[in-house]
PDB file of N, CA and C in Angstrom:
ATOM      1  N   UNK A   1      -3.334  -9.844 -13.909  1.00  0.00           N
ATOM      2  CA  UNK A   1      -2.621  -9.613 -13.665  1.00  0.00           C
ATOM      3  C   UNK A   1      -1.326 -10.568 -13.600  1.00  0.00           C
ATOM      4  N   UNK A   2      -1.711 -11.855 -12.963  1.00  0.00           N
ATOM      5  CA  UNK A   2      -0.662 -12.483 -13.617  1.00  0.00           C
ATOM      6  C   UNK A   2       0.170 -12.667 -14.723  1.00  0.00           C
ATOM      7  N   UNK A   3      -1.933 -13.113 -15.454  1.00  0.00           N
ATOM      8  CA  UNK A   3      -1.367 -13.284 -17.404  1.00  0.00           C
ATOM      9  C   UNK A   3      -0.426 -12.354 -17.869  1.00  0.00           C
ATOM     10  N   UNK A   4      -0.105 -10.749 -17.175  1.00  0.00           N
ATOM     11  CA  UNK A   4       0.430  -9.954 -17.947  1.00  0.00           C
ATOM     12  C   UNK A   4       1.388  -9.890 -17.502  1.00  0.00           C
ATOM     13  N   UNK A   5       2.009 -10.644 -16.271  1.00  0.00           N
ATOM     14  CA  UNK A   5       3.493 -10.578 -15.680  1.00  0.00           C
ATOM     15  C   UNK A   5       3.799 -11.519 -16.456  1.00  0.00           C
ATOM     16  N   UNK A   6       3.447 -13.200 -16.622  1.00  0.00           N
ATOM     17  CA  UNK A   6       3.873 -14.016 -17.937  1.00  0.00           C
ATOM     18  C   UNK A   6       4.437 -13.105 -18.690  1.00  0.00           C
ATOM     19  N   UNK A   7       3.630 -12.626 -19.787  1.00  0.00           N
ATOM     20  CA  UNK A   7       3.330 -12.163 -20.715  1.00  0.00           C
ATOM     21  C   UNK A   7       4.626 -11.510 -20.916  1.00  0.00           C
ATOM     22  N   UNK A   8       4.920 -10.229 -19.978  1.00  0.00           N
ATOM     23  CA  UNK A   8       6.125  -9.181 -20.076  1.00  0.00           C
ATOM     24  C   UNK A   8       7.292 -10.623 -19.803  1.00  0.00           C
ATOM     25  N   UNK A   9       6.666 -11.470 -19.019  1.00  0.00           N
ATOM     26  CA  UNK A   9       7.674 -12.546 -19.059  1.00  0.00           C
ATOM     27  C   UNK A   9       9.095 -13.087 -20.045  1.00  0.00           C
ATOM     28  N   UNK A  10       7.751 -13.072 -20.319  1.00  0.00           N
ATOM     29  CA  UNK A  10       8.401 -13.955 -21.644  1.00  0.00           C
ATOM     30  C   UNK A  10       9.134 -12.939 -22.382  1.00  0.00           C
ATOM     31  N   UNK A  11       8.459 -11.911 -22.545  1.00  0.00           N
ATOM     32  CA  UNK A  11       8.797 -11.269 -23.813  1.00  0.00           C
ATOM     33  C   UNK A  11      10.305 -10.312 -23.092  1.00  0.00           C
ATOM     34  N   UNK A  12      10.204 -10.512 -21.813  1.00  0.00           N
ATOM     35  CA  UNK A  12      11.718  -9.821 -21.282  1.00  0.00           C
ATOM     36  C   UNK A  12      13.284 -11.377 -21.735  1.00  0.00           C
ATOM     37  N   UNK A  13      12.537 -12.100 -21.794  1.00  0.00           N
ATOM     38  CA  UNK A  13      13.456 -13.537 -22.064  1.00  0.00           C
ATOM     39  C   UNK A  13      13.567 -13.547 -23.527  1.00  0.00           C
ATOM     40  N   UNK A  14      12.951 -13.775 -24.714  1.00  0.00           N
ATOM     41  CA  UNK A  14      12.737 -13.711 -25.625  1.00  0.00           C
ATOM     42  C   UNK A  14      12.957 -12.543 -26.259  1.00  0.00           C
ATOM     43  N   UNK A  15      12.538 -10.894 -26.400  1.00  0.00           N
ATOM     44  CA  UNK A  15      12.844  -9.638 -27.041  1.00  0.00           C
ATOM     45  C   UNK A  15      14.474 -10.090 -27.265  1.00  0.00           C
ATOM     46  N   UNK A  16      15.555  -9.754 -26.511  1.00  0.00           N
ATOM     47  CA  UNK A  16      16.736  -9.863 -26.269  1.00  0.00           C
ATOM     48  C   UNK A  16      17.522 -10.464 -27.263  1.00  0.00           C
ATOM     49  N   UNK A  17      17.385 -11.626 -27.324  1.00  0.00           N
ATOM     50  CA  UNK A  17      17.921 -12.896 -27.552  1.00  0.00           C
ATOM     51  C   UNK A  17      17.929 -12.864 -28.916  1.00  0.00           C
ATOM     52  N   UNK A  18      16.011 -12.171 -29.452  1.00  0.00           N
ATOM     53  CA  UNK A  18      16.425 -12.555 -30.668  1.00  0.00           C
ATOM     54  C   UNK A  18      16.531 -10.999 -31.537  1.00  0.00           C
ATOM     55  N   UNK A  19      16.203 -10.205 -31.119  1.00  0.00           N
ATOM     56  CA  UNK A  19      16.759  -9.101 -31.277  1.00  0.00           C
ATOM     57  C   UNK A  19      18.357  -9.014 -31.330  1.00  0.00           C
ATOM     58  N   UNK A  20      19.096  -9.438 -30.570  1.00  0.00           N
ATOM     59  CA  UNK A  20      20.762  -9.646 -30.497  1.00  0.00           C
ATOM     60  C   UNK A  20      21.046 -10.396 -31.590  1.00  0.00           C
ATOM     61  N   UNK A  21      19.853 -11.662 -32.336  1.00  0.00           N
ATOM     62  CA  UNK A  21      20.884 -12.541 -33.135  1.00  0.00           C
ATOM     63  C   UNK A  21      20.374 -12.085 -34.584  1.00  0.00           C
ATOM     64  N   UNK A  22      18.901 -11.762 -34.319  1.00  0.00           N
ATOM     65  CA  UNK A  22      18.558 -11.356 -35.721  1.00  0.00           C
ATOM     66  C   UNK A  22      19.019  -9.687 -36.203  1.00  0.00           C
ATOM     67  N   UNK A  23      19.905  -8.695 -35.271  1.00  0.00           N
ATOM     68  CA  UNK A  23      20.449  -7.705 -35.739  1.00  0.00           C
ATOM     69  C   UNK A  23      21.537  -7.773 -36.461  1.00  0.00           C
ATOM     70  N   UNK A  24      22.141  -8.731 -35.053  1.00  0.00           N
ATOM     71  CA  UNK A  24      23.260  -9.167 -35.679  1.00  0.00           C
ATOM     72  C   UNK A  24      23.434  -9.589 -37.367  1.00  0.00           C
ATOM     73  N   UNK A  25      22.580 -10.554 -37.667  1.00  0.00           N
ATOM     74  CA  UNK A  25      22.877 -10.561 -38.900  1.00  0.00           C
ATOM     75  C   UNK A  25      22.374 -10.139 -39.696  1.00  0.00           C
ATOM     76  N   UNK A  26      21.178  -9.390 -39.542  1.00  0.00           N
ATOM     77  CA  UNK A  26      20.406  -8.821 -40.577  1.00  0.00           C
ATOM     78  C   UNK A  26      20.575  -7.124 -40.781  1.00  0.00           C
ATOM     79  N   UNK A  27      21.184  -6.599 -39.481  1.00  0.00           N
ATOM     80  CA  UNK A  27      21.246  -5.064 -39.621  1.00  0.00           C
ATOM     81  C   UNK A  27      22.996  -4.440 -39.723  1.00  0.00           C
ATOM     82  N   UNK A  28      23.497  -5.598 -38.476  1.00  0.00           N
ATOM     83  CA  UNK A  28      24.482  -4.675 -38.437  1.00  0.00           C
ATOM     84  C   UNK A  28      25.655  -5.786 -39.319  1.00  0.00           C
ATOM     85  N   UNK A  29      25.515  -6.683 -39.605  1.00  0.00           N
ATOM     86  CA  UNK A  29      26.597  -6.960 -40.851  1.00  0.00           C
ATOM     87  C   UNK A  29      27.538  -8.320 -40.058  1.00  0.00           C
ATOM     88  N   UNK A  30      27.261  -8.347 -38.722  1.00  0.00           N
ATOM     89  CA  UNK A  30      27.612  -9.311 -37.986  1.00  0.00           C
ATOM     90  C   UNK A  30      28.920  -8.299 -36.396  1.00  0.00           C
ATOM     91  N   UNK A  31      28.541  -7.660 -36.346  1.00  0.00           N
ATOM     92  CA  UNK A  31      29.118  -6.316 -35.095  1.00  0.00           C
ATOM     93  C   UNK A  31      28.319  -6.828 -34.245  1.00  0.00           C
ATOM     94  N   UNK A  32      28.976  -7.528 -33.468  1.00  0.00           N
ATOM     95  CA  UNK A  32      28.298  -8.366 -32.093  1.00  0.00           C
ATOM     96  C   UNK A  32      27.908  -6.956 -31.275  1.00  0.00           C
ATOM     97  N   UNK A  33      29.316  -5.557 -30.894  1.00  0.00           N
ATOM     98  CA  UNK A  33      29.066  -5.009 -29.846  1.00  0.00           C
ATOM     99  C   UNK A  33      27.585  -4.422 -30.696  1.00  0.00           C
ATOM    100  N   UNK A  34      27.522  -3.595 -31.501  1.00  0.00           N
ATOM    101  CA  UNK A  34      25.884  -2.760 -32.116  1.00  0.00           C
ATOM    102  C   UNK A  34      24.704  -4.180 -31.955  1.00  0.00           C
ATOM    103  N   UNK A  35      24.764  -5.146 -32.256  1.00  0.00           N
ATOM    104  CA  UNK A  35      24.137  -6.351 -31.726  1.00  0.00           C
ATOM    105  C   UNK A  35      23.384  -6.272 -29.993  1.00  0.00           C
ATOM    106  N   UNK A  36      24.581  -6.750 -29.063  1.00  0.00           N
ATOM    107  CA  UNK A  36      24.173  -6.186 -28.282  1.00  0.00           C
ATOM    108  C   UNK A  36      23.949  -5.364 -27.580  1.00  0.00           C
ATOM    109  N   UNK A  37      23.837  -4.322 -27.794  1.00  0.00           N
ATOM    110  CA  UNK A  37      23.224  -2.644 -28.000  1.00  0.00           C
ATOM    111  C   UNK A  37      21.517  -2.173 -27.930  1.00  0.00           C
ATOM    112  N   UNK A  38      21.371  -3.035 -29.677  1.00  0.00           N
ATOM    113  CA  UNK A  38      20.844  -2.775 -29.889  1.00  0.00           C
ATOM    114  C   UNK A  38      19.176  -4.723 -28.609  1.00  0.00           C
ATOM    115  N   UNK A  39      19.954  -5.408 -28.098  1.00  0.00           N
ATOM    116  CA  UNK A  39      19.634  -6.529 -27.276  1.00  0.00           C
ATOM    117  C   UNK A  39      19.145  -5.245 -25.737  1.00  0.00           C
ATOM    118  N   UNK A  40      20.282  -4.850 -26.167  1.00  0.00           N
ATOM    119  CA  UNK A  40      19.446  -4.169 -24.711  1.00  0.00           C
ATOM    120  C   UNK A  40      18.596  -3.044 -24.234  1.00  0.00           C
ATOM    121  N   UNK A  41      18.666  -2.002 -25.668  1.00  0.00           N
ATOM    122  CA  UNK A  41      18.073  -1.407 -25.616  1.00  0.00           C
ATOM    123  C   UNK A  41      16.602  -1.959 -25.545  1.00  0.00           C
ATOM    124  N   UNK A  42      16.334  -3.533 -26.232  1.00  0.00           N
ATOM    125  CA  UNK A  42      15.086  -4.301 -26.239  1.00  0.00           C
ATOM    126  C   UNK A  42      15.348  -4.749 -25.400  1.00  0.00           C
ATOM    127  N   UNK A  43      15.669  -4.727 -23.928  1.00  0.00           N
ATOM    128  CA  UNK A  43      15.362  -5.094 -23.065  1.00  0.00           C
ATOM    129  C   UNK A  43      14.993  -3.878 -22.029  1.00  0.00           C
ATOM    130  N   UNK A  44      15.393  -3.003 -22.312  1.00  0.00           N
ATOM    131  CA  UNK A  44      15.006  -1.777 -21.758  1.00  0.00           C
ATOM    132  C   UNK A  44      13.292  -1.310 -21.929  1.00  0.00           C
ATOM    133  N   UNK A  45      12.972  -1.557 -23.499  1.00  0.00           N
ATOM    134  CA  UNK A  45      11.795  -1.490 -24.004  1.00  0.00           C
ATOM    135  C   UNK A  45      10.808  -1.401 -23.558  1.00  0.00           C
ATOM    136  N   UNK A  46      10.914  -3.082 -23.156  1.00  0.00           N
ATOM    137  CA  UNK A  46      10.537  -4.239 -22.356  1.00  0.00           C
ATOM    138  C   UNK A  46       9.956  -3.964 -21.067  1.00  0.00           C
ATOM    139  N   UNK A  47      11.391  -3.834 -20.304  1.00  0.00           N
ATOM    140  CA  UNK A  47      11.067  -2.880 -18.644  1.00  0.00           C
ATOM    141  C   UNK A  47      10.063  -2.005 -18.389  1.00  0.00           C
ATOM    142  N   UNK A  48      10.253  -0.664 -19.421  1.00  0.00           N
ATOM    143  CA  UNK A  48       9.492   0.130 -20.069  1.00  0.00           C
ATOM    144  C   UNK A  48       8.405   0.487 -19.731  1.00  0.00           C
ATOM    145  N   UNK A  49       7.931  -0.271 -20.654  1.00  0.00           N
ATOM    146  CA  UNK A  49       6.385  -0.578 -21.162  1.00  0.00           C
ATOM    147  C   UNK A  49       5.668  -1.188 -19.738  1.00  0.00           C
ATOM    148  N   UNK A  50       6.433  -2.535 -19.059  1.00  0.00           N
ATOM    149  CA  UNK A  50       5.526  -2.886 -17.940  1.00  0.00           C
ATOM    150  C   UNK A  50       5.310  -2.364 -17.040  1.00  0.00           C
ATOM    151  N   UNK A  51       6.706  -1.162 -16.709  1.00  0.00           N
ATOM    152  CA  UNK A  51       6.328   0.054 -15.591  1.00  0.00           C
ATOM    153  C   UNK A  51       5.139   0.525 -16.207  1.00  0.00           C
ATOM    154  N   UNK A  52       4.891   1.213 -17.258  1.00  0.00           N
ATOM    155  CA  UNK A  52       4.260   2.032 -17.552  1.00  0.00           C
ATOM    156  C   UNK A  52       3.059   1.658 -17.201  1.00  0.00           C
ATOM    157  N   UNK A  53       2.290   0.560 -17.652  1.00  0.00           N
ATOM    158  CA  UNK A  53       1.436  -0.290 -18.064  1.00  0.00           C
ATOM    159  C   UNK A  53       0.798  -0.517 -16.446  1.00  0.00           C
ATOM    160  N   UNK A  54       1.971  -1.190 -15.245  1.00  0.00           N
ATOM    161  CA  UNK A  54       1.660  -1.126 -13.931  1.00  0.00           C
ATOM    162  C   UNK A  54       1.215   0.295 -13.397  1.00  0.00           C
ATOM    163  N   UNK A  55       1.541   0.989 -13.867  1.00  0.00           N
ATOM    164  CA  UNK A  55       1.166   2.478 -13.279  1.00  0.00           C
ATOM    165  C   UNK A  55       0.268   3.247 -13.719  1.00  0.00           C
ATOM    166  N   UNK A  56      -0.003   2.747 -15.028  1.00  0.00           N
ATOM    167  CA  UNK A  56      -1.174   3.143 -15.545  1.00  0.00           C
ATOM    168  C   UNK A  56      -2.920   2.186 -14.886  1.00  0.00           C
ATOM    169  N   UNK A  57      -2.790   0.511 -14.864  1.00  0.00           N
ATOM    170  CA  UNK A  57      -2.995   0.655 -14.226  1.00  0.00           C
ATOM    171  C   UNK A  57      -3.348   0.498 -12.571  1.00  0.00           C
ATOM    172  N   UNK A  58      -2.238   0.647 -12.450  1.00  0.00           N
ATOM    173  CA  UNK A  58      -3.020   0.723 -10.324  1.00  0.00           C
ATOM    174  C   UNK A  58      -3.544   2.279 -10.354  1.00  0.00           C
ATOM    175  N   UNK A  59      -3.388   3.750 -10.912  1.00  0.00           N
ATOM    176  CA  UNK A  59      -3.890   5.094 -11.096  1.00  0.00           C
ATOM    177  C   UNK A  59      -5.600   4.766 -11.568  1.00  0.00           C
ATOM    178  N   UNK A  60      -5.996   3.555 -12.935  1.00  0.00           N
ATOM    179  CA  UNK A  60      -7.086   2.794 -12.706  1.00  0.00           C
ATOM    180  C   UNK A  60      -8.411   2.339 -12.255  1.00  0.00           C
ATOM    181  N   UNK A  61      -7.257   2.003 -10.734  1.00  0.00           N
ATOM    182  CA  UNK A  61      -7.449   0.881  -9.480  1.00  0.00           C
ATOM    183  C   UNK A  61      -7.665   2.015  -8.975  1.00  0.00           C
ATOM    184  N   UNK A  62      -7.114   3.335  -8.469  1.00  0.00           N
ATOM    185  CA  UNK A  62      -7.419   3.730  -7.453  1.00  0.00           C
ATOM    186  C   UNK A  62      -8.753   4.837  -7.868  1.00  0.00           C
ATOM    187  N   UNK A  63      -8.777   4.914  -9.424  1.00  0.00           N
ATOM    188  CA  UNK A  63      -9.900   6.171  -9.106  1.00  0.00           C
ATOM    189  C   UNK A  63     -11.486   5.507  -9.323  1.00  0.00           C
ATOM    190  N   UNK A  64     -11.350   3.969  -9.922  1.00  0.00           N
ATOM    191  CA  UNK A  64     -12.703   3.690  -9.568  1.00  0.00           C
ATOM    192  C   UNK A  64     -13.290   3.344  -8.252  1.00  0.00           C
ATOM    193  N   UNK A  65     -12.633   2.501  -7.580  1.00  0.00           N
ATOM    194  CA  UNK A  65     -13.077   2.715  -6.079  1.00  0.00           C
ATOM    195  C   UNK A  65     -13.714   3.832  -5.291  1.00  0.00           C
ATOM    196  N   UNK A  66     -13.146   5.080  -5.080  1.00  0.00           N
ATOM    197  CA  UNK A  66     -13.659   6.553  -4.904  1.00  0.00           C
ATOM    198  C   UNK A  66     -14.565   6.604  -5.956  1.00  0.00           C
ATOM    199  N   UNK A  67     -15.358   6.147  -6.984  1.00  0.00           N
ATOM    200  CA  UNK A  67     -15.867   6.590  -7.644  1.00  0.00           C
ATOM    201  C   UNK A  67     -17.388   5.854  -7.322  1.00  0.00           C
ATOM    202  N   UNK A  68     -17.072   4.120  -7.411  1.00  0.00           N
ATOM    203  CA  UNK A  68     -18.072   3.384  -6.225  1.00  0.00           C
ATOM    204  C   UNK A  68     -18.308   3.689  -5.148  1.00  0.00           C
ATOM    205  N   UNK A  69     -17.581   3.884  -4.636  1.00  0.00           N
ATOM    206  CA  UNK A  69     -17.756   4.413  -3.341  1.00  0.00           C
ATOM    207  C   UNK A  69     -19.318   4.960  -2.540  1.00  0.00           C
ATOM    208  N   UNK A  70     -19.088   6.421  -3.666  1.00  0.00           N
ATOM    209  CA  UNK A  70     -20.203   7.829  -3.794  1.00  0.00           C
ATOM    210  C   UNK A  70     -21.586   6.574  -3.930  1.00  0.00           C
ATOM    211  N   UNK A  71     -21.479   5.841  -4.961  1.00  0.00           N
ATOM    212  CA  UNK A  71     -23.364   5.389  -5.453  1.00  0.00           C
ATOM    213  C   UNK A  71     -23.126   4.124  -4.479  1.00  0.00           C
ATOM    214  N   UNK A  72     -22.359   3.750  -3.640  1.00  0.00           N
ATOM    215  CA  UNK A  72     -23.205   2.948  -2.694  1.00  0.00           C
ATOM    216  C   UNK A  72     -23.731   3.849  -1.229  1.00  0.00           C
ATOM    217  N   UNK A  73     -24.181   2.728  -0.749  1.00  0.00           N
ATOM    218  CA  UNK A  73     -24.994   3.266   0.305  1.00  0.00           C
ATOM    219  C   UNK A  73     -24.639   2.378   1.928  1.00  0.00           C
ATOM    220  N   UNK A  74     -23.866   3.989   2.518  1.00  0.00           N
ATOM    221  CA  UNK A  74     -23.465   2.831   3.512  1.00  0.00           C
ATOM    222  C   UNK A  74     -24.265   2.856   4.881  1.00  0.00           C
ATOM    223  N   UNK A  75     -23.662   2.256   6.022  1.00  0.00           N
ATOM    224  CA  UNK A  75     -24.530   1.995   6.481  1.00  0.00           C
ATOM    225  C   UNK A  75     -25.398   3.312   7.617  1.00  0.00           C
ATOM    226  N   UNK A  76     -24.393   4.820   7.400  1.00  0.00           N
ATOM    227  CA  UNK A  76     -24.721   5.590   7.878  1.00  0.00           C
ATOM    228  C   UNK A  76     -25.307   6.153   7.636  1.00  0.00           C
ATOM    229  N   UNK A  77     -26.290   6.013   5.916  1.00  0.00           N
ATOM    230  CA  UNK A  77     -26.612   6.116   5.054  1.00  0.00           C
ATOM    231  C   UNK A  77     -28.258   5.850   5.336  1.00  0.00           C
ATOM    232  N   UNK A  78     -28.740   4.447   5.888  1.00  0.00           N
ATOM    233  CA  UNK A  78     -29.851   3.961   5.849  1.00  0.00           C
ATOM    234  C   UNK A  78     -30.331   4.152   7.211  1.00  0.00           C
TER     235      UNK A  78
END
């Protein structure tokens, strides 16, 4: 979990800055307003990806204990 957080933190730091400068120079031909919008969109994309990943991970974590609990022997079953 910590590794995923570090990866998304690095992506949140690098992606907007890189997309700003790359889109300003190559995509929008010097228009800083459109380059800033591109950087904002890339930051939001990273955030949404992190939220979706954490929700999926949480759903998998809540499903697994329920299935493993039924296979384990409890004290009452002994």
